[in-house]
PDB file of N, CA and C in Angstrom:
ATOM      1  N   MET A   1       0.496  -1.149   0.227  1.00  0.00           N
ATOM      2  CA  MET A   1      -0.038   0.225  -0.128  1.00  0.00           C
ATOM      3  C   MET A   1       0.881   1.179   0.023  1.00  0.00           C
ATOM      4  N   PRO A   2       0.512   2.290  -0.469  1.00  0.00           N
ATOM      5  CA  PRO A   2       1.202   3.524  -0.677  1.00  0.00           C
ATOM      6  C   PRO A   2       1.353   4.016   0.527  1.00  0.00           C
ATOM      7  N   THR A   3       2.303   5.031   0.680  1.00  0.00           N
ATOM      8  CA  THR A   3       2.426   5.907   1.943  1.00  0.00           C
ATOM      9  C   THR A   3       1.584   7.059   1.030  1.00  0.00           C
ATOM     10  N   PRO A   4       1.109   8.128   2.645  1.00  0.00           N
ATOM     11  CA  PRO A   4       0.385   9.139   2.041  1.00  0.00           C
ATOM     12  C   PRO A   4       1.233  10.369   1.277  1.00  0.00           C
ATOM     13  N   GLU A   5       2.151  10.433   1.269  1.00  0.00           N
ATOM     14  CA  GLU A   5       2.806  11.375   0.186  1.00  0.00           C
ATOM     15  C   GLU A   5       3.371  10.351  -0.512  1.00  0.00           C
ATOM     16  N   ALA A   6       2.831   9.284  -0.908  1.00  0.00           N
ATOM     17  CA  ALA A   6       2.568   8.391  -2.427  1.00  0.00           C
ATOM     18  C   ALA A   6       1.599   9.114  -3.448  1.00  0.00           C
ATOM     19  N   LEU A   7       0.286   9.296  -2.604  1.00  0.00           N
ATOM     20  CA  LEU A   7      -0.569   9.166  -3.319  1.00  0.00           C
ATOM     21  C   LEU A   7      -0.292  10.278  -4.085  1.00  0.00           C
ATOM     22  N   PRO A   8      -1.047   9.443  -5.418  1.00  0.00           N
ATOM     23  CA  PRO A   8      -1.793  11.112  -6.027  1.00  0.00           C
ATOM     24  C   PRO A   8      -3.115  12.107  -5.596  1.00  0.00           C
ATOM     25  N   ILE A   9      -2.475  13.305  -6.643  1.00  0.00           N
ATOM     26  CA  ILE A   9      -4.026  14.821  -5.855  1.00  0.00           C
ATOM     27  C   ILE A   9      -4.402  14.300  -6.584  1.00  0.00           C
ATOM     28  N   THR A  10      -6.034  13.951  -6.082  1.00  0.00           N
ATOM     29  CA  THR A  10      -7.084  14.053  -7.041  1.00  0.00           C
ATOM     30  C   THR A  10      -7.912  15.258  -7.331  1.00  0.00           C
ATOM     31  N   GLU A  11      -8.492  14.996  -8.193  1.00  0.00           N
ATOM     32  CA  GLU A  11      -9.680  16.409  -8.465  1.00  0.00           C
ATOM     33  C   GLU A  11     -10.172  16.877  -7.474  1.00  0.00           C
ATOM     34  N   SER A  12     -11.289  15.705  -6.222  1.00  0.00           N
ATOM     35  CA  SER A  12     -11.054  16.723  -5.122  1.00  0.00           C
ATOM     36  C   SER A  12     -10.319  16.879  -4.061  1.00  0.00           C
ATOM     37  N   ASP A  13      -9.366  16.494  -4.445  1.00  0.00           N
ATOM     38  CA  ASP A  13      -8.482  17.044  -3.352  1.00  0.00           C
ATOM     39  C   ASP A  13      -7.705  18.861  -3.421  1.00  0.00           C
ATOM     40  N   VAL A  14      -8.123  19.273  -4.530  1.00  0.00           N
ATOM     41  CA  VAL A  14      -7.822  19.761  -5.507  1.00  0.00           C
ATOM     42  C   VAL A  14      -8.648  20.811  -4.901  1.00  0.00           C
ATOM     43  N   ARG A  15     -10.421  20.638  -4.741  1.00  0.00           N
ATOM     44  CA  ARG A  15     -11.411  21.006  -4.519  1.00  0.00           C
ATOM     45  C   ARG A  15     -11.517  21.767  -3.165  1.00  0.00           C
ATOM     46  N   LEU A  16     -10.500  21.291  -2.390  1.00  0.00           N
ATOM     47  CA  LEU A  16     -10.696  21.406  -0.485  1.00  0.00           C
ATOM     48  C   LEU A  16      -9.295  22.609  -0.231  1.00  0.00           C
ATOM     49  N   LEU A  17      -8.690  23.122  -1.630  1.00  0.00           N
ATOM     50  CA  LEU A  17      -7.588  24.623  -1.701  1.00  0.00           C
ATOM     51  C   LEU A  17      -8.708  24.941  -1.937  1.00  0.00           C
ATOM     52  N   PRO A  18      -7.890  26.666  -0.703  1.00  0.00           N
ATOM     53  CA  PRO A  18      -9.369  27.624  -1.083  1.00  0.00           C
ATOM     54  C   PRO A  18      -9.302  28.246  -2.293  1.00  0.00           C
ATOM     55  N   PRO A  19     -10.106  28.751  -2.944  1.00  0.00           N
ATOM     56  CA  PRO A  19     -10.002  29.468  -4.264  1.00  0.00           C
ATOM     57  C   PRO A  19      -9.268  30.372  -4.133  1.00  0.00           C
ATOM     58  N   TYR A  20      -8.797  31.275  -5.533  1.00  0.00           N
ATOM     59  CA  TYR A  20      -8.188  32.474  -5.628  1.00  0.00           C
ATOM     60  C   TYR A  20      -8.891  33.350  -6.713  1.00  0.00           C
ATOM     61  N   ARG A  21      -8.542  33.662  -7.042  1.00  0.00           N
ATOM     62  CA  ARG A  21      -9.209  34.934  -8.501  1.00  0.00           C
ATOM     63  C   ARG A  21      -7.955  34.941  -9.243  1.00  0.00           C
ATOM     64  N   VAL A  22      -8.267  34.900 -10.566  1.00  0.00           N
ATOM     65  CA  VAL A  22      -7.151  35.419 -10.660  1.00  0.00           C
ATOM     66  C   VAL A  22      -7.323  37.058 -12.085  1.00  0.00           C
ATOM     67  N   LEU A  23      -6.280  38.283 -11.772  1.00  0.00           N
ATOM     68  CA  LEU A  23      -7.183  39.299 -12.059  1.00  0.00           C
ATOM     69  C   LEU A  23      -5.979  39.781 -13.049  1.00  0.00           C
ATOM     70  N   LEU A  24      -7.182  40.209 -14.194  1.00  0.00           N
ATOM     71  CA  LEU A  24      -6.239  40.698 -15.506  1.00  0.00           C
ATOM     72  C   LEU A  24      -6.980  42.600 -15.202  1.00  0.00           C
ATOM     73  N   HIS A  25      -5.362  42.951 -15.295  1.00  0.00           N
ATOM     74  CA  HIS A  25      -5.356  44.622 -15.544  1.00  0.00           C
ATOM     75  C   HIS A  25      -5.921  45.178 -17.325  1.00  0.00           C
ATOM     76  N   ASN A  26      -6.278  46.328 -16.906  1.00  0.00           N
ATOM     77  CA  ASN A  26      -5.771  47.047 -18.422  1.00  0.00           C
ATOM     78  C   ASN A  26      -4.109  47.932 -18.129  1.00  0.00           C
ATOM     79  N   ASP A  27      -3.676  47.819 -19.227  1.00  0.00           N
ATOM     80  CA  ASP A  27      -2.782  48.658 -19.507  1.00  0.00           C
ATOM     81  C   ASP A  27      -3.085  49.570 -20.298  1.00  0.00           C
ATOM     82  N   ASP A  28      -1.659  50.494 -20.875  1.00  0.00           N
ATOM     83  CA  ASP A  28      -1.716  51.453 -22.064  1.00  0.00           C
ATOM     84  C   ASP A  28      -0.873  51.127 -22.832  1.00  0.00           C
ATOM     85  N   VAL A  29       0.071  49.898 -22.411  1.00  0.00           N
ATOM     86  CA  VAL A  29       0.936  49.617 -22.953  1.00  0.00           C
ATOM     87  C   VAL A  29       0.853  48.471 -23.827  1.00  0.00           C
ATOM     88  N   ASN A  30       0.213  46.927 -24.193  1.00  0.00           N
ATOM     89  CA  ASN A  30       0.045  46.207 -24.615  1.00  0.00           C
ATOM     90  C   ASN A  30      -0.696  46.614 -25.786  1.00  0.00           C
ATOM     91  N   THR A  31      -0.677  45.630 -26.196  1.00  0.00           N
ATOM     92  CA  THR A  31      -2.278  45.445 -27.989  1.00  0.00           C
ATOM     93  C   THR A  31      -3.139  44.187 -27.438  1.00  0.00           C
ATOM     94  N   PHE A  32      -4.170  44.212 -27.671  1.00  0.00           N
ATOM     95  CA  PHE A  32      -5.212  43.883 -27.500  1.00  0.00           C
ATOM     96  C   PHE A  32      -4.229  42.211 -28.264  1.00  0.00           C
ATOM     97  N   GLU A  33      -3.521  42.278 -29.218  1.00  0.00           N
ATOM     98  CA  GLU A  33      -3.388  40.809 -29.523  1.00  0.00           C
ATOM     99  C   GLU A  33      -2.387  40.138 -28.321  1.00  0.00           C
ATOM    100  N   HIS A  34      -1.142  40.986 -28.381  1.00  0.00           N
ATOM    101  CA  HIS A  34      -0.584  40.240 -27.458  1.00  0.00           C
ATOM    102  C   HIS A  34      -0.808  39.770 -26.385  1.00  0.00           C
ATOM    103  N   VAL A  35      -1.819  40.519 -25.385  1.00  0.00           N
ATOM    104  CA  VAL A  35      -2.284  40.225 -24.487  1.00  0.00           C
ATOM    105  C   VAL A  35      -3.344  39.004 -24.845  1.00  0.00           C
ATOM    106  N   ILE A  36      -4.636  39.106 -25.651  1.00  0.00           N
ATOM    107  CA  ILE A  36      -5.052  37.872 -26.598  1.00  0.00           C
ATOM    108  C   ILE A  36      -4.269  36.064 -26.396  1.00  0.00           C
ATOM    109  N   LEU A  37      -3.207  36.147 -27.510  1.00  0.00           N
ATOM    110  CA  LEU A  37      -2.006  35.405 -27.076  1.00  0.00           C
ATOM    111  C   LEU A  37      -1.866  35.192 -25.935  1.00  0.00           C
ATOM    112  N   ALA A  38      -1.197  35.891 -25.083  1.00  0.00           N
ATOM    113  CA  ALA A  38      -0.658  35.642 -23.724  1.00  0.00           C
ATOM    114  C   ALA A  38      -1.772  34.532 -22.883  1.00  0.00           C
ATOM    115  N   ILE A  39      -3.035  35.657 -23.230  1.00  0.00           N
ATOM    116  CA  ILE A  39      -3.883  34.396 -22.224  1.00  0.00           C
ATOM    117  C   ILE A  39      -4.058  33.126 -22.886  1.00  0.00           C
ATOM    118  N   LEU A  40      -3.651  33.113 -24.159  1.00  0.00           N
ATOM    119  CA  LEU A  40      -3.971  31.545 -24.858  1.00  0.00           C
ATOM    120  C   LEU A  40      -3.084  30.600 -24.600  1.00  0.00           C
ATOM    121  N   LYS A  41      -2.044  31.019 -24.624  1.00  0.00           N
ATOM    122  CA  LYS A  41      -0.573  30.283 -23.916  1.00  0.00           C
ATOM    123  C   LYS A  41      -0.916  30.089 -22.699  1.00  0.00           C
ATOM    124  N   LEU A  42      -1.293  30.743 -21.341  1.00  0.00           N
ATOM    125  CA  LEU A  42      -0.612  30.406 -19.822  1.00  0.00           C
ATOM    126  C   LEU A  42      -2.457  29.914 -19.754  1.00  0.00           C
ATOM    127  N   THR A  43      -3.298  30.280 -20.217  1.00  0.00           N
ATOM    128  CA  THR A  43      -4.488  29.623 -19.513  1.00  0.00           C
ATOM    129  C   THR A  43      -4.800  28.402 -20.644  1.00  0.00           C
ATOM    130  N   PRO A  44      -6.398  27.984 -19.993  1.00  0.00           N
ATOM    131  CA  PRO A  44      -6.894  26.928 -20.550  1.00  0.00           C
ATOM    132  C   PRO A  44      -8.040  27.320 -21.331  1.00  0.00           C
ATOM    133  N   LEU A  45      -8.422  28.795 -21.403  1.00  0.00           N
ATOM    134  CA  LEU A  45      -9.441  29.633 -22.139  1.00  0.00           C
ATOM    135  C   LEU A  45      -8.617  29.386 -23.347  1.00  0.00           C
ATOM    136  N   LYS A  46      -9.997  29.287 -24.073  1.00  0.00           N
ATOM    137  CA  LYS A  46     -10.452  29.511 -25.951  1.00  0.00           C
ATOM    138  C   LYS A  46     -10.423  31.241 -26.920  1.00  0.00           C
ATOM    139  N   GLU A  47     -10.140  30.860 -27.765  1.00  0.00           N
ATOM    140  CA  GLU A  47     -10.273  32.533 -27.655  1.00  0.00           C
ATOM    141  C   GLU A  47     -11.198  33.425 -28.083  1.00  0.00           C
ATOM    142  N   VAL A  48     -12.547  32.324 -28.145  1.00  0.00           N
ATOM    143  CA  VAL A  48     -13.529  33.919 -27.701  1.00  0.00           C
ATOM    144  C   VAL A  48     -13.472  33.828 -25.756  1.00  0.00           C
ATOM    145  N   GLU A  49     -13.125  33.348 -24.991  1.00  0.00           N
ATOM    146  CA  GLU A  49     -12.786  33.614 -23.321  1.00  0.00           C
ATOM    147  C   GLU A  49     -11.684  34.620 -23.834  1.00  0.00           C
ATOM    148  N   ALA A  50     -10.865  34.949 -24.205  1.00  0.00           N
ATOM    149  CA  ALA A  50      -9.479  35.597 -24.347  1.00  0.00           C
ATOM    150  C   ALA A  50     -10.237  37.120 -24.720  1.00  0.00           C
ATOM    151  N   VAL A  51     -10.368  36.957 -26.025  1.00  0.00           N
ATOM    152  CA  VAL A  51     -11.423  37.957 -26.619  1.00  0.00           C
ATOM    153  C   VAL A  51     -11.609  38.854 -25.124  1.00  0.00           C
ATOM    154  N   GLN A  52     -12.824  38.022 -25.075  1.00  0.00           N
ATOM    155  CA  GLN A  52     -13.394  38.705 -24.125  1.00  0.00           C
ATOM    156  C   GLN A  52     -13.149  39.364 -22.855  1.00  0.00           C
ATOM    157  N   ARG A  53     -12.047  38.043 -21.807  1.00  0.00           N
ATOM    158  CA  ARG A  53     -11.785  39.317 -20.823  1.00  0.00           C
ATOM    159  C   ARG A  53     -10.779  39.845 -21.100  1.00  0.00           C
ATOM    160  N   THR A  54     -10.220  40.414 -22.116  1.00  0.00           N
ATOM    161  CA  THR A  54      -8.871  40.756 -22.689  1.00  0.00           C
ATOM    162  C   THR A  54      -9.980  42.374 -23.108  1.00  0.00           C
ATOM    163  N   LEU A  55     -11.217  42.552 -23.364  1.00  0.00           N
ATOM    164  CA  LEU A  55     -12.392  43.120 -23.618  1.00  0.00           C
ATOM    165  C   LEU A  55     -12.553  44.193 -22.485  1.00  0.00           C
ATOM    166  N   GLU A  56     -13.189  43.046 -21.479  1.00  0.00           N
ATOM    167  CA  GLU A  56     -14.251  43.300 -20.299  1.00  0.00           C
ATOM    168  C   GLU A  56     -12.748  44.046 -19.655  1.00  0.00           C
ATOM    169  N   ALA A  57     -11.565  44.099 -19.288  1.00  0.00           N
ATOM    170  CA  ALA A  57     -10.358  44.497 -18.912  1.00  0.00           C
ATOM    171  C   ALA A  57     -10.337  45.234 -19.498  1.00  0.00           C
ATOM    172  N   HIS A  58     -10.401  45.521 -20.876  1.00  0.00           N
ATOM    173  CA  HIS A  58      -9.554  47.439 -21.544  1.00  0.00           C
ATOM    174  C   HIS A  58     -11.019  48.064 -20.595  1.00  0.00           C
ATOM    175  N   GLN A  59     -12.322  48.013 -21.058  1.00  0.00           N
ATOM    176  CA  GLN A  59     -13.433  47.873 -21.029  1.00  0.00           C
ATOM    177  C   GLN A  59     -13.864  49.277 -18.874  1.00  0.00           C
ATOM    178  N   ARG A  60     -13.485  47.895 -18.239  1.00  0.00           N
ATOM    179  CA  ARG A  60     -13.706  47.763 -16.914  1.00  0.00           C
ATOM    180  C   ARG A  60     -12.737  48.004 -15.461  1.00  0.00           C
ATOM    181  N   GLY A  61     -10.874  48.133 -16.368  1.00  0.00           N
ATOM    182  CA  GLY A  61      -9.958  48.022 -15.883  1.00  0.00           C
ATOM    183  C   GLY A  61      -9.242  46.554 -15.195  1.00  0.00           C
ATOM    184  N   VAL A  62     -10.247  45.784 -14.884  1.00  0.00           N
ATOM    185  CA  VAL A  62      -9.829  44.174 -14.556  1.00  0.00           C
ATOM    186  C   VAL A  62     -10.811  43.700 -15.217  1.00  0.00           C
ATOM    187  N   ALA A  63     -10.458  41.928 -15.300  1.00  0.00           N
ATOM    188  CA  ALA A  63     -11.736  41.470 -14.976  1.00  0.00           C
ATOM    189  C   ALA A  63     -10.833  39.689 -15.070  1.00  0.00           C
ATOM    190  N   LEU A  64     -12.357  39.325 -14.079  1.00  0.00           N
ATOM    191  CA  LEU A  64     -11.333  37.431 -13.865  1.00  0.00           C
ATOM    192  C   LEU A  64     -11.372  37.001 -15.051  1.00  0.00           C
ATOM    193  N   LEU A  65      -9.435  36.921 -15.055  1.00  0.00           N
ATOM    194  CA  LEU A  65      -8.852  35.326 -16.018  1.00  0.00           C
ATOM    195  C   LEU A  65      -9.797  34.117 -15.112  1.00  0.00           C
ATOM    196  N   LEU A  66      -9.833  33.734 -14.513  1.00  0.00           N
ATOM    197  CA  LEU A  66     -10.406  32.382 -13.752  1.00  0.00           C
ATOM    198  C   LEU A  66      -9.718  32.611 -12.016  1.00  0.00           C
ATOM    199  N   ILE A  67     -10.631  30.966 -11.567  1.00  0.00           N
ATOM    200  CA  ILE A  67     -10.540  31.018 -10.237  1.00  0.00           C
ATOM    201  C   ILE A  67     -10.292  30.013 -10.004  1.00  0.00           C
ATOM    202  N   THR A  68      -8.635  29.282  -9.534  1.00  0.00           N
ATOM    203  CA  THR A  68      -7.769  28.017  -9.036  1.00  0.00           C
ATOM    204  C   THR A  68      -7.366  28.193  -7.478  1.00  0.00           C
ATOM    205  N   HIS A  69      -6.359  26.991  -7.867  1.00  0.00           N
ATOM    206  CA  HIS A  69      -5.738  27.099  -5.874  1.00  0.00           C
ATOM    207  C   HIS A  69      -4.301  28.503  -5.866  1.00  0.00           C
ATOM    208  N   ARG A  70      -4.318  28.684  -4.649  1.00  0.00           N
ATOM    209  CA  ARG A  70      -3.476  30.164  -4.440  1.00  0.00           C
ATOM    210  C   ARG A  70      -2.345  29.824  -4.773  1.00  0.00           C
ATOM    211  N   GLU A  71      -2.242  28.581  -4.913  1.00  0.00           N
ATOM    212  CA  GLU A  71       0.073  28.387  -5.637  1.00  0.00           C
ATOM    213  C   GLU A  71      -0.180  28.074  -7.658  1.00  0.00           C
ATOM    214  N   ARG A  72      -1.577  27.754  -7.869  1.00  0.00           N
ATOM    215  CA  ARG A  72      -1.542  27.641  -9.473  1.00  0.00           C
ATOM    216  C   ARG A  72      -1.450  29.555  -9.626  1.00  0.00           C
ATOM    217  N   ALA A  73      -2.654  29.945  -8.768  1.00  0.00           N
ATOM    218  CA  ALA A  73      -2.949  31.316  -8.791  1.00  0.00           C
ATOM    219  C   ALA A  73      -1.550  32.019  -9.724  1.00  0.00           C
ATOM    220  N   GLU A  74      -0.909  31.626  -8.107  1.00  0.00           N
ATOM    221  CA  GLU A  74       0.828  32.701  -7.887  1.00  0.00           C
ATOM    222  C   GLU A  74       1.323  32.838  -9.175  1.00  0.00           C
ATOM    223  N   LEU A  75       1.523  31.659  -9.882  1.00  0.00           N
ATOM    224  CA  LEU A  75       2.503  31.225 -11.266  1.00  0.00           C
ATOM    225  C   LEU A  75       2.026  31.312 -12.325  1.00  0.00           C
ATOM    226  N   TYR A  76       0.595  31.845 -12.608  1.00  0.00           N
ATOM    227  CA  TYR A  76      -0.485  32.345 -13.168  1.00  0.00           C
ATOM    228  C   TYR A  76       0.352  34.381 -13.493  1.00  0.00           C
ATOM    229  N   VAL A  77       0.530  34.713 -12.175  1.00  0.00           N
ATOM    230  CA  VAL A  77       0.564  36.313 -11.998  1.00  0.00           C
ATOM    231  C   VAL A  77       2.153  36.209 -12.397  1.00  0.00           C
ATOM    232  N   GLU A  78       3.109  34.637 -12.120  1.00  0.00           N
ATOM    233  CA  GLU A  78       4.638  35.219 -12.210  1.00  0.00           C
ATOM    234  C   GLU A  78       4.887  34.805 -14.378  1.00  0.00           C
ATOM    235  N   GLN A  79       3.423  33.767 -14.464  1.00  0.00           N
ATOM    236  CA  GLN A  79       3.526  33.877 -16.249  1.00  0.00           C
ATOM    237  C   GLN A  79       3.460  34.806 -16.525  1.00  0.00           C
ATOM    238  N   PHE A  80       2.078  35.864 -16.479  1.00  0.00           N
ATOM    239  CA  PHE A  80       2.268  36.665 -16.746  1.00  0.00           C
ATOM    240  C   PHE A  80       3.399  38.343 -16.960  1.00  0.00           C
ATOM    241  N   ALA A  81       3.751  38.084 -15.882  1.00  0.00           N
ATOM    242  CA  ALA A  81       5.018  38.382 -15.607  1.00  0.00           C
ATOM    243  C   ALA A  81       5.786  38.766 -16.573  1.00  0.00           C
ATOM    244  N   THR A  82       6.264  37.446 -17.408  1.00  0.00           N
ATOM    245  CA  THR A  82       6.917  37.616 -18.206  1.00  0.00           C
ATOM    246  C   THR A  82       6.590  37.788 -19.858  1.00  0.00           C
ATOM    247  N   TYR A  83       5.516  38.045 -19.598  1.00  0.00           N
ATOM    248  CA  TYR A  83       4.424  38.628 -20.765  1.00  0.00           C
ATOM    249  C   TYR A  83       4.517  40.671 -20.772  1.00  0.00           C
ATOM    250  N   LYS A  84       5.313  40.790 -20.184  1.00  0.00           N
ATOM    251  CA  LYS A  84       4.785  42.459 -19.185  1.00  0.00           C
ATOM    252  C   LYS A  84       3.183  42.285 -18.698  1.00  0.00           C
ATOM    253  N   LEU A  85       2.908  42.247 -19.139  1.00  0.00           N
ATOM    254  CA  LEU A  85       1.399  42.144 -18.190  1.00  0.00           C
ATOM    255  C   LEU A  85       0.995  41.726 -17.029  1.00  0.00           C
ATOM    256  N   THR A  86       0.282  42.816 -16.129  1.00  0.00           N
ATOM    257  CA  THR A  86      -0.275  43.186 -14.584  1.00  0.00           C
ATOM    258  C   THR A  86      -1.351  41.813 -14.808  1.00  0.00           C
ATOM    259  N   VAL A  87      -1.405  41.754 -14.153  1.00  0.00           N
ATOM    260  CA  VAL A  87      -2.346  39.845 -13.864  1.00  0.00           C
ATOM    261  C   VAL A  87      -2.084  39.531 -11.835  1.00  0.00           C
ATOM    262  N   THR A  88      -2.825  39.484 -11.002  1.00  0.00           N
ATOM    263  CA  THR A  88      -2.907  39.523  -9.552  1.00  0.00           C
ATOM    264  C   THR A  88      -3.677  38.627  -9.734  1.00  0.00           C
ATOM    265  N   ALA A  89      -3.534  37.944  -7.943  1.00  0.00           N
ATOM    266  CA  ALA A  89      -4.135  36.810  -7.340  1.00  0.00           C
ATOM    267  C   ALA A  89      -5.036  36.994  -5.989  1.00  0.00           C
ATOM    268  N   GLU A  90      -6.061  37.162  -6.147  1.00  0.00           N
ATOM    269  CA  GLU A  90      -7.041  37.465  -4.606  1.00  0.00           C
ATOM    270  C   GLU A  90      -7.623  36.273  -3.951  1.00  0.00           C
ATOM    271  N   PRO A  91      -7.437  36.104  -2.715  1.00  0.00           N
ATOM    272  CA  PRO A  91      -8.667  35.494  -2.274  1.00  0.00           C
ATOM    273  C   PRO A  91     -10.219  34.986  -2.812  1.00  0.00           C
ATOM    274  N   ALA A  92     -10.920  34.126  -3.369  1.00  0.00           N
ATOM    275  CA  ALA A  92     -12.263  34.184  -4.074  1.00  0.00           C
ATOM    276  C   ALA A  92     -13.254  34.307  -3.301  1.00  0.00           C
ATOM    277  N   THR A  93     -13.799  35.258  -2.353  1.00  0.00           N
ATOM    278  CA  THR A  93     -14.281  35.450  -0.633  1.00  0.00           C
ATOM    279  C   THR A  93     -15.802  34.724  -0.696  1.00  0.00           C
TER     280      THR A  93
END
């Protein structure tokens, strides 16, 4: 029998982690195309969703990209920073 450390993390285990919102912030530097391509490369969102989130951030100043657990949210923040995009993570309370 595997030790507890060796057991794989299941989808139900991930659901127990506190949810975090990953937020895309508008800027006046990056093009729509650059933002959309970064979203497509870094997230599971499809093109229509990426366009919608980009437009929402442009019009409202911020858009919810997705909700995930803290560690993954922090990873998204770091990955988007490599594309010179401002993304933040906050608890989804």
